[in-house]
Amino acid sequence: MALDTLALWIIVGIVAAYVIAMMVGLFAIFPYGLIGLAVLAVVLYFVVRVVRDRLTNAEDDYYEKNIKQ
């Protein structure tokens, strides 16, 4: 496994732990935490949408593989 891949997985793990801790905290203050959970859901939706768009975009893949900078 390459060092950059390992670093990426470590960062993803830390971010996932942070998001889980935020969710637990927002559930602890239940009535007011719903606003934070809604904001968190919108942010996660946009992150998933951007990553999915990048992974399925054939034009970006073409330029990444064939165009040298």
N, C-alpha and C. Protein backbone atom coordinates (compact mmCIF):
# COMPACT_ATOMS: atom_id res chain seq x y z
N MET A 1 0.85 -1.17 0.00
CA MET A 1 0.00 0.00 0.00
C MET A 1 0.90 1.23 0.00
N ALA A 2 0.59 2.16 -0.86
CA ALA A 2 1.38 3.38 -0.97
C ALA A 2 1.16 4.27 0.24
N LEU A 3 2.15 5.09 0.52
CA LEU A 3 2.09 5.96 1.69
C LEU A 3 0.93 6.96 1.58
N ASP A 4 0.67 7.47 0.39
CA ASP A 4 -0.43 8.43 0.24
C ASP A 4 -1.78 7.77 0.46
N THR A 5 -1.93 6.52 0.05
CA THR A 5 -3.18 5.79 0.29
C THR A 5 -3.37 5.54 1.78
N LEU A 6 -2.29 5.16 2.46
CA LEU A 6 -2.37 4.94 3.90
C LEU A 6 -2.74 6.23 4.63
N ALA A 7 -2.13 7.33 4.24
CA ALA A 7 -2.44 8.62 4.87
C ALA A 7 -3.90 9.00 4.63
N LEU A 8 -4.40 8.74 3.43
CA LEU A 8 -5.79 9.04 3.12
C LEU A 8 -6.74 8.23 3.99
N TRP A 9 -6.45 6.94 4.18
CA TRP A 9 -7.30 6.10 5.02
C TRP A 9 -7.26 6.54 6.48
N ILE A 10 -6.10 7.00 6.95
CA ILE A 10 -6.01 7.50 8.32
C ILE A 10 -6.84 8.76 8.47
N ILE A 11 -6.77 9.66 7.52
CA ILE A 11 -7.56 10.89 7.57
C ILE A 11 -9.05 10.58 7.51
N VAL A 12 -9.44 9.65 6.65
CA VAL A 12 -10.86 9.26 6.56
C VAL A 12 -11.33 8.67 7.88
N GLY A 13 -10.51 7.86 8.52
CA GLY A 13 -10.86 7.29 9.83
C GLY A 13 -11.03 8.35 10.89
N ILE A 14 -10.14 9.33 10.92
CA ILE A 14 -10.23 10.41 11.90
C ILE A 14 -11.49 11.24 11.67
N VAL A 15 -11.77 11.56 10.41
CA VAL A 15 -12.97 12.34 10.10
C VAL A 15 -14.24 11.55 10.45
N ALA A 16 -14.24 10.25 10.18
CA ALA A 16 -15.41 9.43 10.51
C ALA A 16 -15.62 9.41 12.03
N ALA A 17 -14.55 9.27 12.80
CA ALA A 17 -14.67 9.28 14.26
C ALA A 17 -15.19 10.63 14.75
N TYR A 18 -14.73 11.71 14.14
CA TYR A 18 -15.19 13.04 14.52
C TYR A 18 -16.67 13.23 14.22
N VAL A 19 -17.10 12.77 13.06
CA VAL A 19 -18.52 12.90 12.69
C VAL A 19 -19.39 12.07 13.62
N ILE A 20 -18.94 10.87 13.98
CA ILE A 20 -19.70 10.04 14.92
C ILE A 20 -19.79 10.72 16.28
N ALA A 21 -18.69 11.31 16.74
CA ALA A 21 -18.70 12.02 18.02
C ALA A 21 -19.65 13.22 17.96
N MET A 22 -19.67 13.92 16.82
CA MET A 22 -20.61 15.04 16.68
C MET A 22 -22.05 14.55 16.75
N MET A 23 -22.33 13.44 16.08
CA MET A 23 -23.70 12.92 16.09
C MET A 23 -24.12 12.51 17.50
N VAL A 24 -23.23 11.88 18.24
CA VAL A 24 -23.54 11.48 19.61
C VAL A 24 -23.83 12.72 20.46
N GLY A 25 -23.02 13.75 20.30
CA GLY A 25 -23.24 14.99 21.03
C GLY A 25 -24.54 15.66 20.65
N LEU A 26 -24.88 15.63 19.37
CA LEU A 26 -26.13 16.25 18.94
C LEU A 26 -27.35 15.46 19.41
N PHE A 27 -27.20 14.14 19.52
CA PHE A 27 -28.31 13.35 20.08
C PHE A 27 -28.46 13.61 21.58
N ALA A 28 -27.37 13.95 22.25
CA ALA A 28 -27.42 14.20 23.69
C ALA A 28 -28.24 15.45 24.01
N ILE A 29 -28.20 16.45 23.15
CA ILE A 29 -29.01 17.65 23.36
C ILE A 29 -30.19 17.60 22.39
N PHE A 30 -31.00 16.59 22.54
CA PHE A 30 -31.99 16.18 21.55
C PHE A 30 -32.80 17.28 20.89
N PRO A 31 -33.57 18.09 21.58
CA PRO A 31 -34.43 18.98 20.80
C PRO A 31 -33.65 19.99 19.97
N TYR A 32 -32.52 20.47 20.50
CA TYR A 32 -31.74 21.47 19.77
C TYR A 32 -30.75 20.81 18.81
N GLY A 33 -30.44 19.58 19.06
CA GLY A 33 -29.49 18.86 18.22
C GLY A 33 -30.04 18.51 16.85
N LEU A 34 -31.36 18.57 16.68
CA LEU A 34 -31.95 18.27 15.38
C LEU A 34 -31.51 19.26 14.31
N ILE A 35 -31.29 20.50 14.70
CA ILE A 35 -30.82 21.50 13.74
C ILE A 35 -29.42 21.13 13.27
N GLY A 36 -28.56 20.76 14.19
CA GLY A 36 -27.21 20.35 13.83
C GLY A 36 -27.20 19.08 13.00
N LEU A 37 -28.08 18.14 13.32
CA LEU A 37 -28.16 16.91 12.53
C LEU A 37 -28.62 17.20 11.11
N ALA A 38 -29.53 18.15 10.95
CA ALA A 38 -29.99 18.52 9.61
C ALA A 38 -28.84 19.15 8.81
N VAL A 39 -28.08 20.03 9.44
CA VAL A 39 -26.93 20.64 8.77
C VAL A 39 -25.91 19.59 8.41
N LEU A 40 -25.63 18.67 9.32
CA LEU A 40 -24.68 17.59 9.07
C LEU A 40 -25.14 16.69 7.92
N ALA A 41 -26.43 16.41 7.86
CA ALA A 41 -26.96 15.59 6.77
C ALA A 41 -26.80 16.28 5.42
N VAL A 42 -27.03 17.58 5.36
CA VAL A 42 -26.87 18.32 4.11
C VAL A 42 -25.41 18.33 3.67
N VAL A 43 -24.49 18.55 4.60
CA VAL A 43 -23.06 18.55 4.28
C VAL A 43 -22.62 17.18 3.78
N LEU A 44 -23.04 16.12 4.46
CA LEU A 44 -22.68 14.77 4.03
C LEU A 44 -23.27 14.45 2.66
N TYR A 45 -24.48 14.92 2.38
CA TYR A 45 -25.08 14.71 1.07
C TYR A 45 -24.23 15.34 -0.03
N PHE A 46 -23.79 16.58 0.19
CA PHE A 46 -22.97 17.25 -0.82
C PHE A 46 -21.61 16.58 -0.99
N VAL A 47 -21.02 16.12 0.09
CA VAL A 47 -19.73 15.43 -0.01
C VAL A 47 -19.87 14.15 -0.82
N VAL A 48 -20.90 13.37 -0.55
CA VAL A 48 -21.13 12.13 -1.30
C VAL A 48 -21.41 12.44 -2.76
N ARG A 49 -22.17 13.49 -3.02
CA ARG A 49 -22.49 13.84 -4.40
C ARG A 49 -21.25 14.27 -5.19
N VAL A 50 -20.37 15.04 -4.56
CA VAL A 50 -19.15 15.49 -5.23
C VAL A 50 -18.22 14.31 -5.50
N VAL A 51 -18.05 13.43 -4.52
CA VAL A 51 -17.17 12.27 -4.71
C VAL A 51 -17.72 11.35 -5.79
N ARG A 52 -19.03 11.11 -5.77
CA ARG A 52 -19.63 10.25 -6.79
C ARG A 52 -19.50 10.86 -8.18
N ASP A 53 -19.67 12.18 -8.28
CA ASP A 53 -19.53 12.85 -9.57
C ASP A 53 -18.10 12.72 -10.09
N ARG A 54 -17.13 12.85 -9.21
CA ARG A 54 -15.73 12.74 -9.64
C ARG A 54 -15.40 11.32 -10.06
N LEU A 55 -15.90 10.33 -9.36
CA LEU A 55 -15.57 8.94 -9.68
C LEU A 55 -16.24 8.46 -10.96
N THR A 56 -17.35 9.06 -11.34
CA THR A 56 -18.07 8.60 -12.53
C THR A 56 -17.88 9.49 -13.74
N ASN A 57 -17.00 10.49 -13.66
CA ASN A 57 -16.80 11.42 -14.76
C ASN A 57 -15.72 10.90 -15.69
N ALA A 58 -16.11 10.47 -16.88
CA ALA A 58 -15.17 9.90 -17.85
C ALA A 58 -14.23 10.96 -18.41
N GLU A 59 -14.70 12.18 -18.56
CA GLU A 59 -13.86 13.24 -19.12
C GLU A 59 -12.68 13.55 -18.20
N ASP A 60 -12.92 13.62 -16.89
CA ASP A 60 -11.83 13.85 -15.95
C ASP A 60 -10.82 12.71 -15.98
N ASP A 61 -11.31 11.49 -16.09
CA ASP A 61 -10.41 10.33 -16.17
C ASP A 61 -9.54 10.39 -17.42
N TYR A 62 -10.13 10.79 -18.54
CA TYR A 62 -9.37 10.88 -19.78
C TYR A 62 -8.22 11.88 -19.64
N TYR A 63 -8.52 13.07 -19.14
CA TYR A 63 -7.49 14.10 -19.00
C TYR A 63 -6.44 13.70 -17.97
N GLU A 64 -6.86 13.02 -16.92
CA GLU A 64 -5.90 12.59 -15.91
C GLU A 64 -4.92 11.55 -16.46
N LYS A 65 -5.40 10.67 -17.33
CA LYS A 65 -4.56 9.60 -17.86
C LYS A 65 -3.76 9.99 -19.10
N ASN A 66 -4.30 10.88 -19.94
CA ASN A 66 -3.70 11.12 -21.24
C ASN A 66 -3.02 12.47 -21.42
N ILE A 67 -3.33 13.44 -20.62
CA ILE A 67 -2.75 14.77 -20.79
C ILE A 67 -1.62 14.93 -19.77
N LYS A 68 -0.43 15.19 -20.25
CA LYS A 68 0.73 15.36 -19.37
C LYS A 68 0.94 16.84 -19.10
N GLN A 69 1.26 17.16 -17.89
CA GLN A 69 1.48 18.57 -17.54
C GLN A 69 2.94 18.82 -17.32
